[in-house]
Each structure stands twice: as structure tokens, then as C-alpha cells.
């Protein structure tokens, strides 16, 4: 019997901020050295870079993601507000550059083993002159409708369902909240198995909320301004929904 699918949840590495690029590389190298790639999906819930106006940040982040892919890991990414600008101001040009660099579009649906992964872009509805400032998020009606339809598709009935996005649907911090969190909650409530997100750098575990087995704030995988406690890596077993925490930020001995 094949081993169950496991998810490594990373978030908010912020490559380009101080030493975060080097730290993100260390996390990736240690995952490659410590975890067999078979039956592992790595989900990164946004803010890969500190400032996507700086192309060198994107190149460095992509090189680290490529390291994981070349080791055989399936890597799924959704963008954060910093990936669409500098964290406070978003632009269409910056978002297009990030999307091209990582070859992604949303909503993103991937069927992997016994699970279906649904990635959402919680930034795209914020690129308007009147609300592109600050760090709020919004999924928007189009993606919400597609999310509703996807998780109810007959062919996905017996599969585990994992939804991932950047903005936090539970802790509604002013100027950092997901604006359509109520609509999102009504769709996923009792319908999906895991919701993974980042943004607040809090690493809080909200599992059980809305009848969902796993709901996790990924914190910051590089420790940038952690507001609650330091967790840079979690592994979720989709068979029993157990959660294992590890610190892959410290270099491993040879």
C-alpha cells in the first residue's frame, strides 16, 4: 500500500529582506537533505519576495524554488501582497512579472495522488487605484464561484481537498484582512480538509474552525518579524491530518 500524501507548508520567506534570501535557501537545502521527495507536496502561501519591483528578489526566490523542484518535490505557490509590489502598493506590472516568473495562474487546480489542491489569488482584486494600498486581500466573485464549483465536482468527491491562499481568513488584523472572508468561509465550511495561508506571520493553528480538519497560518519560514511564535515548517499528513513541526532554518551538520 503506498504511503499517504504529505504536505510541507512554507510561507512568507520574504526574499530580499535582510538575510531572508539566504535563510530561505537554507530551509530548502535542509528539506532536500532530510525529506524524501516521494509523496510530498510543498505549498508556499505567498510573499516569496520582499519587493517584486526588484527583479533580483524574484530571481533569487525562483532559484530556491527550482532547487526544490529539481530534487523531485512538487511545489505549489500562491502570491502574497509583497509579490505584487512592495507590500503596501500593488501594480499590474509587478503582478504580471511575478506570475510569469513562476508560471502560475489562478484559480489553480492540481490533482495529486488522493488529493486536489486549489490555489487562490487573494491579491488580484486589490489592484485598483482606490484599494491597491495597504495589505488587505480579496478573492473576488469569479474565483469564489470557481472554488465553489471545483470542490463540488463529482470526480473530486472521494479526494482530500486542500485550499491555499495568502491572506488570513480568521485573524482579521486591520489593513491586513481578507475582505471577503465571510463568503470564503461559507463556501469551504465542512467541504474541504485543509486551508493553508500566511500573511500575518503568526503561525497560529486554527484547525477545527468551520469544521475543517487543518487550518494553519504558516508564519514566516525565514522568521521575518514573527508575531506569535517561530515555526518555519509544518508537515501535514493527509491521511490522519496529523501535524509535525520542524525547524529547518538552522544549517544541518554534514
C-alpha atoms as a PDB file:
ATOM      1  CA  UNK A   1       0.000   0.000   0.000  1.00  0.00           C
ATOM      2  CA  UNK A   2       1.520   3.366  -0.996  1.00  0.00           C
ATOM      3  CA  UNK A   3       2.331   5.843   1.750  1.00  0.00           C
ATOM      4  CA  UNK A   4      -0.094   8.719   2.261  1.00  0.00           C
ATOM      5  CA  UNK A   5       0.414  12.127   0.727  1.00  0.00           C
ATOM      6  CA  UNK A   6       2.039  14.714   2.966  1.00  0.00           C
ATOM      7  CA  UNK A   7       2.183  18.487   2.628  1.00  0.00           C
ATOM      8  CA  UNK A   8       5.065  20.718   3.682  1.00  0.00           C
ATOM      9  CA  UNK A   9       3.642  24.176   4.341  1.00  0.00           C
ATOM     10  CA  UNK A  10       6.001  27.120   3.934  1.00  0.00           C
ATOM     11  CA  UNK A  11       5.048  30.783   3.896  1.00  0.00           C
ATOM     12  CA  UNK A  12       6.307  34.347   3.770  1.00  0.00           C
ATOM     13  CA  UNK A  13      10.039  33.843   3.161  1.00  0.00           C
ATOM     14  CA  UNK A  14      10.386  37.495   2.030  1.00  0.00           C
ATOM     15  CA  UNK A  15      13.486  37.012  -0.107  1.00  0.00           C
ATOM     16  CA  UNK A  16      15.231  40.360  -0.343  1.00  0.00           C
ATOM     17  CA  UNK A  17      14.625  41.407   3.246  1.00  0.00           C
ATOM     18  CA  UNK A  18      17.917  41.418   5.144  1.00  0.00           C
ATOM     19  CA  UNK A  19      19.205  37.792   5.204  1.00  0.00           C
ATOM     20  CA  UNK A  20      15.880  36.147   4.316  1.00  0.00           C
ATOM     21  CA  UNK A  21      17.116  35.013   0.910  1.00  0.00           C
ATOM     22  CA  UNK A  22      19.946  33.043   2.494  1.00  0.00           C
ATOM     23  CA  UNK A  23      17.607  31.675   5.174  1.00  0.00           C
ATOM     24  CA  UNK A  24      15.079  30.507   2.582  1.00  0.00           C
ATOM     25  CA  UNK A  25      17.864  28.735   0.737  1.00  0.00           C
ATOM     26  CA  UNK A  26      18.922  27.031   3.981  1.00  0.00           C
ATOM     27  CA  UNK A  27      15.351  25.848   4.615  1.00  0.00           C
ATOM     28  CA  UNK A  28      15.136  24.423   1.087  1.00  0.00           C
ATOM     29  CA  UNK A  29      18.545  22.734   1.268  1.00  0.00           C
ATOM     30  CA  UNK A  30      17.686  21.131   4.590  1.00  0.00           C
ATOM     31  CA  UNK A  31      14.345  19.861   3.275  1.00  0.00           C
ATOM     32  CA  UNK A  32      16.138  18.323   0.295  1.00  0.00           C
ATOM     33  CA  UNK A  33      18.665  16.649   2.596  1.00  0.00           C
ATOM     34  CA  UNK A  34      16.154  15.462   5.195  1.00  0.00           C
ATOM     35  CA  UNK A  35      12.894  14.577   3.444  1.00  0.00           C
ATOM     36  CA  UNK A  36      12.416  12.070   0.583  1.00  0.00           C
ATOM     37  CA  UNK A  37      10.511  13.804  -2.200  1.00  0.00           C
ATOM     38  CA  UNK A  38       8.142  10.895  -2.822  1.00  0.00           C
ATOM     39  CA  UNK A  39       4.530  11.660  -1.859  1.00  0.00           C
ATOM     40  CA  UNK A  40       5.433  15.181  -0.718  1.00  0.00           C
ATOM     41  CA  UNK A  41       3.811  18.386  -1.941  1.00  0.00           C
ATOM     42  CA  UNK A  42       5.332  21.699  -0.871  1.00  0.00           C
ATOM     43  CA  UNK A  43       2.838  24.571  -0.610  1.00  0.00           C
ATOM     44  CA  UNK A  44       4.197  28.129  -0.290  1.00  0.00           C
ATOM     45  CA  UNK A  45       1.482  30.582   0.685  1.00  0.00           C
ATOM     46  CA  UNK A  46       2.829  33.836  -0.650  1.00  0.00           C
ATOM     47  CA  UNK A  47       5.220  36.687  -0.018  1.00  0.00           C
ATOM     48  CA  UNK A  48       8.083  34.815  -1.601  1.00  0.00           C
ATOM     49  CA  UNK A  49       9.798  38.161  -2.111  1.00  0.00           C
ATOM     50  CA  UNK A  50      10.024  41.356  -0.113  1.00  0.00           C
ATOM     51  CA  UNK A  51       9.724  43.693  -3.081  1.00  0.00           C
ATOM     52  CA  UNK A  52       8.685  42.432  -6.514  1.00  0.00           C
ATOM     53  CA  UNK A  53       9.634  45.767  -8.066  1.00  0.00           C
ATOM     54  CA  UNK A  54      13.199  44.473  -7.619  1.00  0.00           C
ATOM     55  CA  UNK A  55      13.728  41.726 -10.180  1.00  0.00           C
ATOM     56  CA  UNK A  56      16.760  40.383  -8.326  1.00  0.00           C
ATOM     57  CA  UNK A  57      14.424  39.377  -5.467  1.00  0.00           C
ATOM     58  CA  UNK A  58      12.309  37.323  -7.878  1.00  0.00           C
ATOM     59  CA  UNK A  59      15.359  35.680  -9.462  1.00  0.00           C
ATOM     60  CA  UNK A  60      16.719  34.649  -6.059  1.00  0.00           C
ATOM     61  CA  UNK A  61      13.377  33.245  -4.884  1.00  0.00           C
ATOM     62  CA  UNK A  62      12.878  31.343  -8.138  1.00  0.00           C
ATOM     63  CA  UNK A  63      16.343  29.789  -7.833  1.00  0.00           C
ATOM     64  CA  UNK A  64      15.431  28.388  -4.411  1.00  0.00           C
ATOM     65  CA  UNK A  65      12.068  27.087  -5.650  1.00  0.00           C
ATOM     66  CA  UNK A  66      13.899  25.485  -8.594  1.00  0.00           C
ATOM     67  CA  UNK A  67      16.199  23.733  -6.123  1.00  0.00           C
ATOM     68  CA  UNK A  68      13.179  22.044  -4.555  1.00  0.00           C
ATOM     69  CA  UNK A  69      11.683  21.122  -7.916  1.00  0.00           C
ATOM     70  CA  UNK A  70      14.945  19.667  -9.186  1.00  0.00           C
ATOM     71  CA  UNK A  71      15.063  17.462  -6.087  1.00  0.00           C
ATOM     72  CA  UNK A  72      11.740  15.961  -7.161  1.00  0.00           C
ATOM     73  CA  UNK A  73       9.309  17.919  -4.985  1.00  0.00           C
ATOM     74  CA  UNK A  74       6.009  19.135  -6.365  1.00  0.00           C
ATOM     75  CA  UNK A  75       5.873  22.838  -5.427  1.00  0.00           C
ATOM     76  CA  UNK A  76       2.649  24.862  -5.419  1.00  0.00           C
ATOM     77  CA  UNK A  77       2.742  28.644  -4.983  1.00  0.00           C
ATOM     78  CA  UNK A  78       0.228  31.414  -4.498  1.00  0.00           C
ATOM     79  CA  UNK A  79       1.187  35.102  -4.457  1.00  0.00           C
ATOM     80  CA  UNK A  80       1.209  37.458  -1.494  1.00  0.00           C
ATOM     81  CA  UNK A  81       0.856  41.212  -1.400  1.00  0.00           C
ATOM     82  CA  UNK A  82       4.656  41.665  -1.496  1.00  0.00           C
ATOM     83  CA  UNK A  83       4.759  39.542  -4.653  1.00  0.00           C
ATOM     84  CA  UNK A  84       2.546  42.133  -6.372  1.00  0.00           C
ATOM     85  CA  UNK A  85       4.578  45.147  -5.275  1.00  0.00           C
ATOM     86  CA  UNK A  86       6.304  46.197  -2.082  1.00  0.00           C
ATOM     87  CA  UNK A  87       3.657  45.055   0.395  1.00  0.00           C
ATOM     88  CA  UNK A  88       1.724  48.296   0.572  1.00  0.00           C
ATOM     89  CA  UNK A  89       1.377  49.282  -3.079  1.00  0.00           C
ATOM     90  CA  UNK A  90       0.437  46.739  -5.769  1.00  0.00           C
ATOM     91  CA  UNK A  91       0.658  47.202  -9.538  1.00  0.00           C
ATOM     92  CA  UNK A  92      -0.436  45.172 -12.536  1.00  0.00           C
ATOM     93  CA  UNK A  93       3.085  45.198 -13.955  1.00  0.00           C
ATOM     94  CA  UNK A  94       4.599  43.752 -10.779  1.00  0.00           C
ATOM     95  CA  UNK A  95       1.921  41.057 -10.574  1.00  0.00           C
ATOM     96  CA  UNK A  96       2.407  40.044 -14.209  1.00  0.00           C
ATOM     97  CA  UNK A  97       6.168  39.810 -13.692  1.00  0.00           C
ATOM     98  CA  UNK A  98       5.740  37.521 -10.677  1.00  0.00           C
ATOM     99  CA  UNK A  99       3.193  35.297 -12.434  1.00  0.00           C
ATOM    100  CA  UNK A 100       5.448  34.873 -15.473  1.00  0.00           C
ATOM    101  CA  UNK A 101       8.480  34.097 -13.329  1.00  0.00           C
ATOM    102  CA  UNK A 102       6.717  31.195 -11.583  1.00  0.00           C
ATOM    103  CA  UNK A 103       4.419  30.219 -14.480  1.00  0.00           C
ATOM    104  CA  UNK A 104       1.224  30.312 -12.442  1.00  0.00           C
ATOM    105  CA  UNK A 105      -2.360  31.486 -12.882  1.00  0.00           C
ATOM    106  CA  UNK A 106      -5.445  31.342 -10.664  1.00  0.00           C
ATOM    107  CA  UNK A 107      -7.523  29.684  -9.522  1.00  0.00           C
ATOM    108  CA  UNK A 108      -5.014  26.847  -9.778  1.00  0.00           C
ATOM    109  CA  UNK A 109      -6.311  23.273  -9.555  1.00  0.00           C
ATOM    110  CA  UNK A 110      -3.903  20.343  -9.250  1.00  0.00           C
ATOM    111  CA  UNK A 111      -4.871  16.732  -8.684  1.00  0.00           C
ATOM    112  CA  UNK A 112      -2.000  14.947  -6.936  1.00  0.00           C
ATOM    113  CA  UNK A 113      -2.494  11.418  -5.702  1.00  0.00           C
ATOM    114  CA  UNK A 114      -5.519  11.207  -3.442  1.00  0.00           C
ATOM    115  CA  UNK A 115      -5.851  14.986  -3.093  1.00  0.00           C
ATOM    116  CA  UNK A 116      -6.944  18.009  -5.078  1.00  0.00           C
ATOM    117  CA  UNK A 117      -5.141  21.293  -4.362  1.00  0.00           C
ATOM    118  CA  UNK A 118      -6.921  24.566  -5.095  1.00  0.00           C
ATOM    119  CA  UNK A 119      -4.804  27.717  -5.112  1.00  0.00           C
ATOM    120  CA  UNK A 120      -6.376  31.169  -4.903  1.00  0.00           C
ATOM    121  CA  UNK A 121      -5.006  34.626  -5.637  1.00  0.00           C
ATOM    122  CA  UNK A 122      -6.145  36.879  -2.805  1.00  0.00           C
ATOM    123  CA  UNK A 123      -4.384  39.935  -4.277  1.00  0.00           C
ATOM    124  CA  UNK A 124      -5.756  40.291  -7.790  1.00  0.00           C
ATOM    125  CA  UNK A 125      -8.923  42.135  -6.741  1.00  0.00           C
ATOM    126  CA  UNK A 126      -6.808  44.703  -4.898  1.00  0.00           C
ATOM    127  CA  UNK A 127      -5.074  46.156  -7.956  1.00  0.00           C
ATOM    128  CA  UNK A 128      -7.263  49.229  -8.365  1.00  0.00           C
ATOM    129  CA  UNK A 129      -6.400  52.861  -7.776  1.00  0.00           C
ATOM    130  CA  UNK A 130      -8.857  53.033  -4.873  1.00  0.00           C
ATOM    131  CA  UNK A 131      -7.794  49.928  -2.886  1.00  0.00           C
ATOM    132  CA  UNK A 132      -4.340  48.921  -4.076  1.00  0.00           C
ATOM    133  CA  UNK A 133      -2.789  50.481  -0.986  1.00  0.00           C
ATOM    134  CA  UNK A 134      -2.338  48.714   2.359  1.00  0.00           C
ATOM    135  CA  UNK A 135      -2.195  44.922   2.701  1.00  0.00           C
ATOM    136  CA  UNK A 136      -5.826  43.845   2.569  1.00  0.00           C
ATOM    137  CA  UNK A 137      -6.798  40.897   0.395  1.00  0.00           C
ATOM    138  CA  UNK A 138      -9.821  39.964  -1.671  1.00  0.00           C
ATOM    139  CA  UNK A 139     -10.527  36.764  -3.580  1.00  0.00           C
ATOM    140  CA  UNK A 140     -13.336  38.161  -5.713  1.00  0.00           C
ATOM    141  CA  UNK A 141     -16.582  36.755  -7.066  1.00  0.00           C
ATOM    142  CA  UNK A 142     -15.073  34.931 -10.050  1.00  0.00           C
ATOM    143  CA  UNK A 143     -12.586  32.887  -8.034  1.00  0.00           C
ATOM    144  CA  UNK A 144     -15.122  32.253  -5.270  1.00  0.00           C
ATOM    145  CA  UNK A 145     -17.584  30.859  -7.790  1.00  0.00           C
ATOM    146  CA  UNK A 146     -14.914  28.635  -9.321  1.00  0.00           C
ATOM    147  CA  UNK A 147     -13.863  27.490  -5.855  1.00  0.00           C
ATOM    148  CA  UNK A 148     -17.460  26.549  -5.045  1.00  0.00           C
ATOM    149  CA  UNK A 149     -17.828  24.611  -8.281  1.00  0.00           C
ATOM    150  CA  UNK A 150     -14.444  22.882  -8.020  1.00  0.00           C
ATOM    151  CA  UNK A 151     -14.822  21.440  -4.526  1.00  0.00           C
ATOM    152  CA  UNK A 152     -18.229  20.050  -5.503  1.00  0.00           C
ATOM    153  CA  UNK A 153     -17.174  18.365  -8.742  1.00  0.00           C
ATOM    154  CA  UNK A 154     -18.292  14.692  -8.728  1.00  0.00           C
ATOM    155  CA  UNK A 155     -14.847  13.409  -9.701  1.00  0.00           C
ATOM    156  CA  UNK A 156     -13.372  15.057  -6.567  1.00  0.00           C
ATOM    157  CA  UNK A 157     -15.923  13.605  -4.149  1.00  0.00           C
ATOM    158  CA  UNK A 158     -13.560  10.997  -2.691  1.00  0.00           C
ATOM    159  CA  UNK A 159     -10.412  13.105  -2.748  1.00  0.00           C
ATOM    160  CA  UNK A 160      -8.924  15.156   0.058  1.00  0.00           C
ATOM    161  CA  UNK A 161      -9.318  18.870  -0.686  1.00  0.00           C
ATOM    162  CA  UNK A 162      -6.622  21.408   0.197  1.00  0.00           C
ATOM    163  CA  UNK A 163      -7.211  25.125  -0.390  1.00  0.00           C
ATOM    164  CA  UNK A 164      -4.311  27.547  -0.161  1.00  0.00           C
ATOM    165  CA  UNK A 165      -4.156  31.347  -0.340  1.00  0.00           C
ATOM    166  CA  UNK A 166      -2.115  34.158   1.165  1.00  0.00           C
ATOM    167  CA  UNK A 167      -4.426  36.369   3.196  1.00  0.00           C
ATOM    168  CA  UNK A 168      -5.656  35.246   6.577  1.00  0.00           C
ATOM    169  CA  UNK A 169      -9.352  34.231   6.708  1.00  0.00           C
ATOM    170  CA  UNK A 170      -9.548  34.027  10.527  1.00  0.00           C
ATOM    171  CA  UNK A 171      -7.441  36.687  12.321  1.00  0.00           C
ATOM    172  CA  UNK A 172      -8.755  39.890  10.775  1.00  0.00           C
ATOM    173  CA  UNK A 173      -5.943  42.316  11.557  1.00  0.00           C
ATOM    174  CA  UNK A 174      -6.803  45.884  10.423  1.00  0.00           C
ATOM    175  CA  UNK A 175      -5.437  46.671   6.941  1.00  0.00           C
ATOM    176  CA  UNK A 176      -4.330  43.018   6.618  1.00  0.00           C
ATOM    177  CA  UNK A 177      -7.675  41.245   6.473  1.00  0.00           C
ATOM    178  CA  UNK A 178      -9.294  39.147   3.763  1.00  0.00           C
ATOM    179  CA  UNK A 179     -12.237  41.338   2.794  1.00  0.00           C
ATOM    180  CA  UNK A 180     -14.459  38.506   1.570  1.00  0.00           C
ATOM    181  CA  UNK A 181     -13.650  36.117   4.421  1.00  0.00           C
ATOM    182  CA  UNK A 182     -17.340  35.514   5.144  1.00  0.00           C
ATOM    183  CA  UNK A 183     -18.077  34.447   1.578  1.00  0.00           C
ATOM    184  CA  UNK A 184     -14.960  32.271   1.558  1.00  0.00           C
ATOM    185  CA  UNK A 185     -15.946  30.662   4.865  1.00  0.00           C
ATOM    186  CA  UNK A 186     -19.443  29.877   3.651  1.00  0.00           C
ATOM    187  CA  UNK A 187     -18.004  28.010   0.656  1.00  0.00           C
ATOM    188  CA  UNK A 188     -15.321  25.939   2.411  1.00  0.00           C
ATOM    189  CA  UNK A 189     -17.177  25.248   5.653  1.00  0.00           C
ATOM    190  CA  UNK A 190     -17.449  21.451   6.140  1.00  0.00           C
ATOM    191  CA  UNK A 191     -16.438  20.978   2.480  1.00  0.00           C
ATOM    192  CA  UNK A 192     -12.620  20.876   2.459  1.00  0.00           C
ATOM    193  CA  UNK A 193      -9.995  19.091   4.536  1.00  0.00           C
ATOM    194  CA  UNK A 194      -7.312  21.765   4.849  1.00  0.00           C
ATOM    195  CA  UNK A 195      -6.917  25.520   4.403  1.00  0.00           C
ATOM    196  CA  UNK A 196      -3.370  26.908   4.364  1.00  0.00           C
ATOM    197  CA  UNK A 197      -2.479  30.606   4.441  1.00  0.00           C
ATOM    198  CA  UNK A 198       0.127  33.082   5.634  1.00  0.00           C
ATOM    199  CA  UNK A 199       0.409  36.885   5.726  1.00  0.00           C
ATOM    200  CA  UNK A 200       0.180  37.561   9.481  1.00  0.00           C
ATOM    201  CA  UNK A 201       3.470  35.815  10.439  1.00  0.00           C
ATOM    202  CA  UNK A 202       1.700  34.421  13.496  1.00  0.00           C
ATOM    203  CA  UNK A 203       1.980  30.633  12.886  1.00  0.00           C
ATOM    204  CA  UNK A 204      -1.324  30.077  14.690  1.00  0.00           C
ATOM    205  CA  UNK A 205      -3.207  26.799  14.401  1.00  0.00           C
ATOM    206  CA  UNK A 206      -6.929  27.311  13.802  1.00  0.00           C
ATOM    207  CA  UNK A 207      -7.657  23.662  12.980  1.00  0.00           C
ATOM    208  CA  UNK A 208     -11.274  22.717  13.590  1.00  0.00           C
ATOM    209  CA  UNK A 209     -12.632  26.128  12.604  1.00  0.00           C
ATOM    210  CA  UNK A 210     -15.555  25.876  10.161  1.00  0.00           C
ATOM    211  CA  UNK A 211     -15.458  22.085  10.555  1.00  0.00           C
ATOM    212  CA  UNK A 212     -12.127  21.905   8.683  1.00  0.00           C
ATOM    213  CA  UNK A 213      -9.527  19.402   9.891  1.00  0.00           C
ATOM    214  CA  UNK A 214      -6.456  21.590   9.260  1.00  0.00           C
ATOM    215  CA  UNK A 215      -6.362  25.407   9.191  1.00  0.00           C
ATOM    216  CA  UNK A 216      -2.873  26.818   9.515  1.00  0.00           C
ATOM    217  CA  UNK A 217      -1.162  30.182   9.411  1.00  0.00           C
ATOM    218  CA  UNK A 218       2.260  29.341   8.004  1.00  0.00           C
ATOM    219  CA  UNK A 219       4.084  32.078   9.915  1.00  0.00           C
ATOM    220  CA  UNK A 220       7.304  33.124   8.192  1.00  0.00           C
ATOM    221  CA  UNK A 221       9.606  30.333   7.059  1.00  0.00           C
ATOM    222  CA  UNK A 222      12.581  32.677   7.431  1.00  0.00           C
ATOM    223  CA  UNK A 223      11.485  34.155  10.756  1.00  0.00           C
ATOM    224  CA  UNK A 224      10.735  37.639   9.468  1.00  0.00           C
ATOM    225  CA  UNK A 225       9.033  39.604  12.240  1.00  0.00           C
ATOM    226  CA  UNK A 226       7.299  36.599  13.721  1.00  0.00           C
ATOM    227  CA  UNK A 227       4.410  37.939  15.798  1.00  0.00           C
ATOM    228  CA  UNK A 228       3.417  34.827  17.746  1.00  0.00           C
ATOM    229  CA  UNK A 229       5.968  32.025  17.773  1.00  0.00           C
ATOM    230  CA  UNK A 230       8.668  30.763  15.453  1.00  0.00           C
ATOM    231  CA  UNK A 231       7.549  27.981  13.134  1.00  0.00           C
ATOM    232  CA  UNK A 232       9.187  27.834   9.720  1.00  0.00           C
ATOM    233  CA  UNK A 233       7.946  24.455   8.578  1.00  0.00           C
ATOM    234  CA  UNK A 234       4.959  22.210   9.152  1.00  0.00           C
ATOM    235  CA  UNK A 235       4.263  18.825   7.626  1.00  0.00           C
ATOM    236  CA  UNK A 236       0.653  17.667   7.341  1.00  0.00           C
ATOM    237  CA  UNK A 237      -0.243  14.025   6.761  1.00  0.00           C
ATOM    238  CA  UNK A 238      -3.400  13.997   4.638  1.00  0.00           C
ATOM    239  CA  UNK A 239      -4.264  10.510   5.832  1.00  0.00           C
ATOM    240  CA  UNK A 240      -4.845  11.318   9.505  1.00  0.00           C
ATOM    241  CA  UNK A 241      -4.332  15.132   9.427  1.00  0.00           C
ATOM    242  CA  UNK A 242      -1.528  14.953  11.947  1.00  0.00           C
ATOM    243  CA  UNK A 243       0.771  17.984  12.005  1.00  0.00           C
ATOM    244  CA  UNK A 244       4.522  17.825  12.608  1.00  0.00           C
ATOM    245  CA  UNK A 245       6.577  20.944  13.277  1.00  0.00           C
ATOM    246  CA  UNK A 246      10.282  21.152  12.447  1.00  0.00           C
ATOM    247  CA  UNK A 247      12.940  23.828  12.293  1.00  0.00           C
ATOM    248  CA  UNK A 248      14.795  23.624   9.000  1.00  0.00           C
ATOM    249  CA  UNK A 249      16.172  27.132   9.321  1.00  0.00           C
ATOM    250  CA  UNK A 250      19.303  26.059  11.179  1.00  0.00           C
ATOM    251  CA  UNK A 251      22.030  24.538   8.970  1.00  0.00           C
ATOM    252  CA  UNK A 252      22.265  20.764   9.363  1.00  0.00           C
ATOM    253  CA  UNK A 253      25.588  19.168  10.153  1.00  0.00           C
ATOM    254  CA  UNK A 254      27.192  17.195   7.317  1.00  0.00           C
END
